C-alpha atoms as a PDB file:
ATOM      1  CA  MET A   1      -8.685  -0.651   5.862  1.00  0.00           C
ATOM      2  CA  LEU A   2     -10.904  -3.116   7.281  1.00  0.00           C
ATOM      3  CA  ALA A   3     -12.807  -0.973   9.456  1.00  0.00           C
ATOM      4  CA  VAL A   4     -13.984   1.256   6.590  1.00  0.00           C
ATOM      5  CA  GLN A   5     -14.420  -1.865   4.404  1.00  0.00           C
ATOM      6  CA  GLY A   6     -16.817  -3.124   7.052  1.00  0.00           C
ATOM      7  CA  LEU A   7     -18.177   0.296   6.664  1.00  0.00           C
ATOM      8  CA  ARG A   8     -18.963   0.155   3.351  1.00  0.00           C
ATOM      9  CA  ARG A   9     -20.526  -3.372   2.919  1.00  0.00           C
ATOM     10  CA  ALA A  10     -22.565  -2.350   5.910  1.00  0.00           C
ATOM     11  CA  SER A  11     -24.189   0.761   4.244  1.00  0.00           C
ATOM     12  CA  GLY A  12     -24.641  -1.315   0.764  1.00  0.00           C
ATOM     13  CA  GLN A  13     -22.376   0.708  -1.156  1.00  0.00           C
ATOM     14  CA  ALA A  14     -21.601  -1.088  -4.963  1.00  0.00           C
ATOM     15  CA  GLY A  15     -18.441  -1.686  -5.693  1.00  0.00           C
ATOM     16  CA  VAL A  16     -16.894  -2.869  -2.413  1.00  0.00           C
ATOM     17  CA  ASN A  17     -14.537  -5.218  -4.144  1.00  0.00           C
ATOM     18  CA  ALA A  18     -13.189  -3.241  -6.583  1.00  0.00           C
ATOM     19  CA  PRO A  19      -9.302  -3.087  -6.555  1.00  0.00           C
ATOM     20  CA  ARG A  20      -9.650   1.091  -6.339  1.00  0.00           C
ATOM     21  CA  THR A  21     -11.357   1.139  -3.546  1.00  0.00           C
ATOM     22  CA  TRP A  22      -9.337  -1.143  -1.488  1.00  0.00           C
ATOM     23  CA  VAL A  23      -6.213   0.870  -2.304  1.00  0.00           C
ATOM     24  CA  ILE A  24      -8.315   4.133  -1.463  1.00  0.00           C
ATOM     25  CA  ASP A  25      -9.231   2.643   1.654  1.00  0.00           C
ATOM     26  CA  PHE A  26      -5.438   1.347   2.472  1.00  0.00           C
ATOM     27  CA  VAL A  27      -3.952   5.040   1.703  1.00  0.00           C
ATOM     28  CA  THR A  28      -6.482   6.463   4.053  1.00  0.00           C
ATOM     29  CA  GLY A  29      -5.704   4.207   6.781  1.00  0.00           C
ATOM     30  CA  ALA A  30      -2.029   4.668   6.320  1.00  0.00           C
ATOM     31  CA  LEU A  31      -2.213   8.902   6.546  1.00  0.00           C
ATOM     32  CA  ILE A  32      -4.746   8.473   9.589  1.00  0.00           C
ATOM     33  CA  ALA A  33      -2.493   5.767  11.358  1.00  0.00           C
ATOM     34  CA  ALA A  34       0.718   7.299  10.765  1.00  0.00           C
ATOM     35  CA  PRO A  35       0.503  10.727  12.491  1.00  0.00           C
ATOM     36  CA  VAL A  36      -1.835   8.933  15.674  1.00  0.00           C
ATOM     37  CA  PHE A  37       1.224   6.577  16.139  1.00  0.00           C
ATOM     38  CA  TRP A  38       3.660   9.555  15.953  1.00  0.00           C
ATOM     39  CA  MET A  39       1.876  11.595  18.051  1.00  0.00           C
ATOM     40  CA  PHE A  40       1.736   8.484  20.654  1.00  0.00           C
ATOM     41  CA  THR A  41       5.481   8.010  20.899  1.00  0.00           C
ATOM     42  CA  GLN A  42       6.574  11.675  20.812  1.00  0.00           C
ATOM     43  CA  PHE A  43       3.863  13.581  22.604  1.00  0.00           C
ATOM     44  CA  LEU A  44       2.503  10.960  24.783  1.00  0.00           C
ATOM     45  CA  ALA A  45       6.315   9.249  25.486  1.00  0.00           C
ATOM     46  CA  ILE A  46       4.262   5.844  25.143  1.00  0.00           C
ATOM     47  CA  ASN A  47       5.863   3.201  23.610  1.00  0.00           C
ATOM     48  CA  LEU A  48       3.753   1.138  21.189  1.00  0.00           C
ATOM     49  CA  PRO A  49       5.360  -2.049  19.575  1.00  0.00           C
ATOM     50  CA  GLY A  50       6.457  -0.584  15.847  1.00  0.00           C
ATOM     51  CA  LEU A  51       6.840  -2.983  13.119  1.00  0.00           C
ATOM     52  CA  THR A  52      10.730  -3.325  13.240  1.00  0.00           C
ATOM     53  CA  THR A  53      12.855  -2.792  16.085  1.00  0.00           C
ATOM     54  CA  THR A  54      13.616   0.745  14.920  1.00  0.00           C
ATOM     55  CA  GLY A  55       9.855   1.889  14.832  1.00  0.00           C
ATOM     56  CA  TRP A  56       7.784   1.900  11.568  1.00  0.00           C
ATOM     57  CA  PHE A  57      10.575   1.581   9.307  1.00  0.00           C
END
């Protein structure tokens, strides 16, 4: 989310501080991060730290 916000600010896009933009960036980040985390843990068998002791949830 913060990476996308930085790219938006660097390109000079208008409305970067709008709450709607933050929500869209958060959802986009979660949709990218969750499958990547799952692929690392399932396919590559790399143990990444989770948010809880059982994983992400």
